[in-house]
């Protein structure tokens, strides 16, 4: 139901360790755009590290939980947009100050 991601250009990503422990799996046709989607997982624990879709070439959607710097979570990684708000449960009222978007495209 929930995923908190941040968007990064491929040329801005730098791994300090563990990149050799990633494996990928992909979809040929996603439900929303019909494009391809590649997912990178940690081979050891199975954590989804990032996604990359054909709709946004050169861009990865990184999982915010992969960042262990609380200061970044409180500043530049604070959610700015919430997508698919029409599908959220009644008890979830959204992220304060985040732009609310029906579907995926603005």
C-alpha atoms as a PDB file:
ATOM      1  CA  UNK A   1       0.000   0.000   0.000  1.00  0.00           C
ATOM      2  CA  UNK A   2       2.776   2.464   0.857  1.00  0.00           C
ATOM      3  CA  UNK A   3       6.085   3.140  -0.826  1.00  0.00           C
ATOM      4  CA  UNK A   4       8.194   6.207  -0.215  1.00  0.00           C
ATOM      5  CA  UNK A   5      10.621   6.888  -3.030  1.00  0.00           C
ATOM      6  CA  UNK A   6      12.881   9.659  -4.174  1.00  0.00           C
ATOM      7  CA  UNK A   7      13.862  10.325  -7.769  1.00  0.00           C
ATOM      8  CA  UNK A   8      17.512  10.417  -8.834  1.00  0.00           C
ATOM      9  CA  UNK A   9      19.154  10.867 -12.222  1.00  0.00           C
ATOM     10  CA  UNK A  10      21.315   7.842 -13.101  1.00  0.00           C
ATOM     11  CA  UNK A  11      24.440   9.981 -13.414  1.00  0.00           C
ATOM     12  CA  UNK A  12      23.997  11.185  -9.799  1.00  0.00           C
ATOM     13  CA  UNK A  13      23.989   7.703  -8.230  1.00  0.00           C
ATOM     14  CA  UNK A  14      27.159   6.537  -6.528  1.00  0.00           C
ATOM     15  CA  UNK A  15      27.344   3.275  -4.613  1.00  0.00           C
ATOM     16  CA  UNK A  16      29.767   3.236  -1.702  1.00  0.00           C
ATOM     17  CA  UNK A  17      29.448  -0.521  -1.291  1.00  0.00           C
ATOM     18  CA  UNK A  18      27.182  -3.454  -2.117  1.00  0.00           C
ATOM     19  CA  UNK A  19      26.409  -2.791  -5.782  1.00  0.00           C
ATOM     20  CA  UNK A  20      27.781  -6.252  -6.616  1.00  0.00           C
ATOM     21  CA  UNK A  21      25.068  -7.693  -4.372  1.00  0.00           C
ATOM     22  CA  UNK A  22      22.177  -6.308  -6.444  1.00  0.00           C
ATOM     23  CA  UNK A  23      20.097  -8.389  -8.797  1.00  0.00           C
ATOM     24  CA  UNK A  24      17.383  -7.158 -11.161  1.00  0.00           C
ATOM     25  CA  UNK A  25      13.998  -8.370 -12.275  1.00  0.00           C
ATOM     26  CA  UNK A  26      11.701  -6.652 -14.732  1.00  0.00           C
ATOM     27  CA  UNK A  27       8.216  -6.352 -16.131  1.00  0.00           C
ATOM     28  CA  UNK A  28       7.603  -6.086 -19.860  1.00  0.00           C
ATOM     29  CA  UNK A  29       4.349  -4.174 -19.469  1.00  0.00           C
ATOM     30  CA  UNK A  30       3.336  -2.177 -16.391  1.00  0.00           C
ATOM     31  CA  UNK A  31      -0.345  -1.658 -15.530  1.00  0.00           C
ATOM     32  CA  UNK A  32      -0.244   2.161 -15.509  1.00  0.00           C
ATOM     33  CA  UNK A  33       1.961   3.118 -18.488  1.00  0.00           C
ATOM     34  CA  UNK A  34       2.311  -0.123 -20.430  1.00  0.00           C
ATOM     35  CA  UNK A  35       6.082   0.413 -20.437  1.00  0.00           C
ATOM     36  CA  UNK A  36       8.858  -1.695 -18.969  1.00  0.00           C
ATOM     37  CA  UNK A  37       9.950  -1.607 -15.320  1.00  0.00           C
ATOM     38  CA  UNK A  38      13.219  -2.896 -13.863  1.00  0.00           C
ATOM     39  CA  UNK A  39      13.528  -3.562 -10.124  1.00  0.00           C
ATOM     40  CA  UNK A  40      16.854  -3.937  -8.266  1.00  0.00           C
ATOM     41  CA  UNK A  41      16.945  -6.082  -5.123  1.00  0.00           C
ATOM     42  CA  UNK A  42      19.561  -6.959  -2.527  1.00  0.00           C
ATOM     43  CA  UNK A  43      20.503 -10.635  -3.061  1.00  0.00           C
ATOM     44  CA  UNK A  44      21.033 -11.124   0.682  1.00  0.00           C
ATOM     45  CA  UNK A  45      17.898  -9.660   2.267  1.00  0.00           C
ATOM     46  CA  UNK A  46      15.551  -9.114  -0.688  1.00  0.00           C
ATOM     47  CA  UNK A  47      15.088  -5.389  -0.073  1.00  0.00           C
ATOM     48  CA  UNK A  48      13.890  -3.466  -3.125  1.00  0.00           C
ATOM     49  CA  UNK A  49      16.531  -0.782  -3.647  1.00  0.00           C
ATOM     50  CA  UNK A  50      15.245   1.012  -6.739  1.00  0.00           C
ATOM     51  CA  UNK A  51      12.978   0.899  -9.767  1.00  0.00           C
ATOM     52  CA  UNK A  52      13.555   2.235 -13.256  1.00  0.00           C
ATOM     53  CA  UNK A  53      10.852   2.535 -15.891  1.00  0.00           C
ATOM     54  CA  UNK A  54      10.907   3.208 -19.614  1.00  0.00           C
ATOM     55  CA  UNK A  55       8.578   6.178 -19.084  1.00  0.00           C
ATOM     56  CA  UNK A  56      11.366   8.066 -17.260  1.00  0.00           C
ATOM     57  CA  UNK A  57      14.645   7.054 -18.960  1.00  0.00           C
ATOM     58  CA  UNK A  58      17.854   7.900 -17.110  1.00  0.00           C
ATOM     59  CA  UNK A  59      16.024   8.094 -13.792  1.00  0.00           C
ATOM     60  CA  UNK A  60      15.772   5.724 -10.850  1.00  0.00           C
ATOM     61  CA  UNK A  61      13.151   5.706  -8.110  1.00  0.00           C
ATOM     62  CA  UNK A  62      15.130   4.866  -4.989  1.00  0.00           C
ATOM     63  CA  UNK A  63      13.518   3.533  -1.815  1.00  0.00           C
ATOM     64  CA  UNK A  64      13.831   6.119   0.938  1.00  0.00           C
ATOM     65  CA  UNK A  65      14.388   3.349   3.504  1.00  0.00           C
ATOM     66  CA  UNK A  66      17.754   2.593   1.918  1.00  0.00           C
ATOM     67  CA  UNK A  67      19.099   5.921   3.231  1.00  0.00           C
ATOM     68  CA  UNK A  68      20.390   5.781   6.798  1.00  0.00           C
ATOM     69  CA  UNK A  69      20.840   9.536   7.362  1.00  0.00           C
ATOM     70  CA  UNK A  70      17.939  10.877   9.484  1.00  0.00           C
ATOM     71  CA  UNK A  71      18.870  14.473   8.627  1.00  0.00           C
ATOM     72  CA  UNK A  72      18.181  13.734   4.943  1.00  0.00           C
ATOM     73  CA  UNK A  73      14.795  12.228   5.862  1.00  0.00           C
ATOM     74  CA  UNK A  74      13.871  15.412   7.716  1.00  0.00           C
ATOM     75  CA  UNK A  75      15.036  17.713   4.906  1.00  0.00           C
ATOM     76  CA  UNK A  76      15.457  16.886   1.213  1.00  0.00           C
ATOM     77  CA  UNK A  77      13.808  13.438   1.390  1.00  0.00           C
ATOM     78  CA  UNK A  78      10.612  14.727   3.028  1.00  0.00           C
ATOM     79  CA  UNK A  79       7.703  13.691   0.746  1.00  0.00           C
ATOM     80  CA  UNK A  80       6.677  16.416  -1.694  1.00  0.00           C
ATOM     81  CA  UNK A  81       4.025  14.557  -3.695  1.00  0.00           C
ATOM     82  CA  UNK A  82       1.521  11.806  -3.008  1.00  0.00           C
ATOM     83  CA  UNK A  83       0.306   9.756  -5.979  1.00  0.00           C
ATOM     84  CA  UNK A  84      -2.753   7.519  -6.434  1.00  0.00           C
ATOM     85  CA  UNK A  85      -4.604   9.300  -3.642  1.00  0.00           C
ATOM     86  CA  UNK A  86      -7.880   7.871  -4.939  1.00  0.00           C
ATOM     87  CA  UNK A  87      -6.730   4.415  -3.801  1.00  0.00           C
ATOM     88  CA  UNK A  88      -5.673   5.177  -0.251  1.00  0.00           C
ATOM     89  CA  UNK A  89      -7.690   3.885   2.703  1.00  0.00           C
ATOM     90  CA  UNK A  90     -10.158   6.173   4.488  1.00  0.00           C
ATOM     91  CA  UNK A  91      -8.031   6.225   7.640  1.00  0.00           C
ATOM     92  CA  UNK A  92      -4.997   7.719   5.826  1.00  0.00           C
ATOM     93  CA  UNK A  93      -5.355  11.468   5.327  1.00  0.00           C
ATOM     94  CA  UNK A  94      -2.141  12.088   3.460  1.00  0.00           C
ATOM     95  CA  UNK A  95       1.252  13.617   4.014  1.00  0.00           C
ATOM     96  CA  UNK A  96       0.993  17.125   5.413  1.00  0.00           C
ATOM     97  CA  UNK A  97       2.076  19.766   2.863  1.00  0.00           C
ATOM     98  CA  UNK A  98       2.599  17.183   0.080  1.00  0.00           C
ATOM     99  CA  UNK A  99       0.926  17.779  -3.284  1.00  0.00           C
ATOM    100  CA  UNK A 100      -1.998  15.361  -3.711  1.00  0.00           C
ATOM    101  CA  UNK A 101      -2.206  13.721  -7.151  1.00  0.00           C
ATOM    102  CA  UNK A 102      -4.949  11.488  -8.574  1.00  0.00           C
ATOM    103  CA  UNK A 103      -3.287   8.707 -10.536  1.00  0.00           C
ATOM    104  CA  UNK A 104       0.368   8.946 -11.410  1.00  0.00           C
ATOM    105  CA  UNK A 105       0.644  11.852 -13.836  1.00  0.00           C
ATOM    106  CA  UNK A 106       0.092  15.494 -12.933  1.00  0.00           C
END
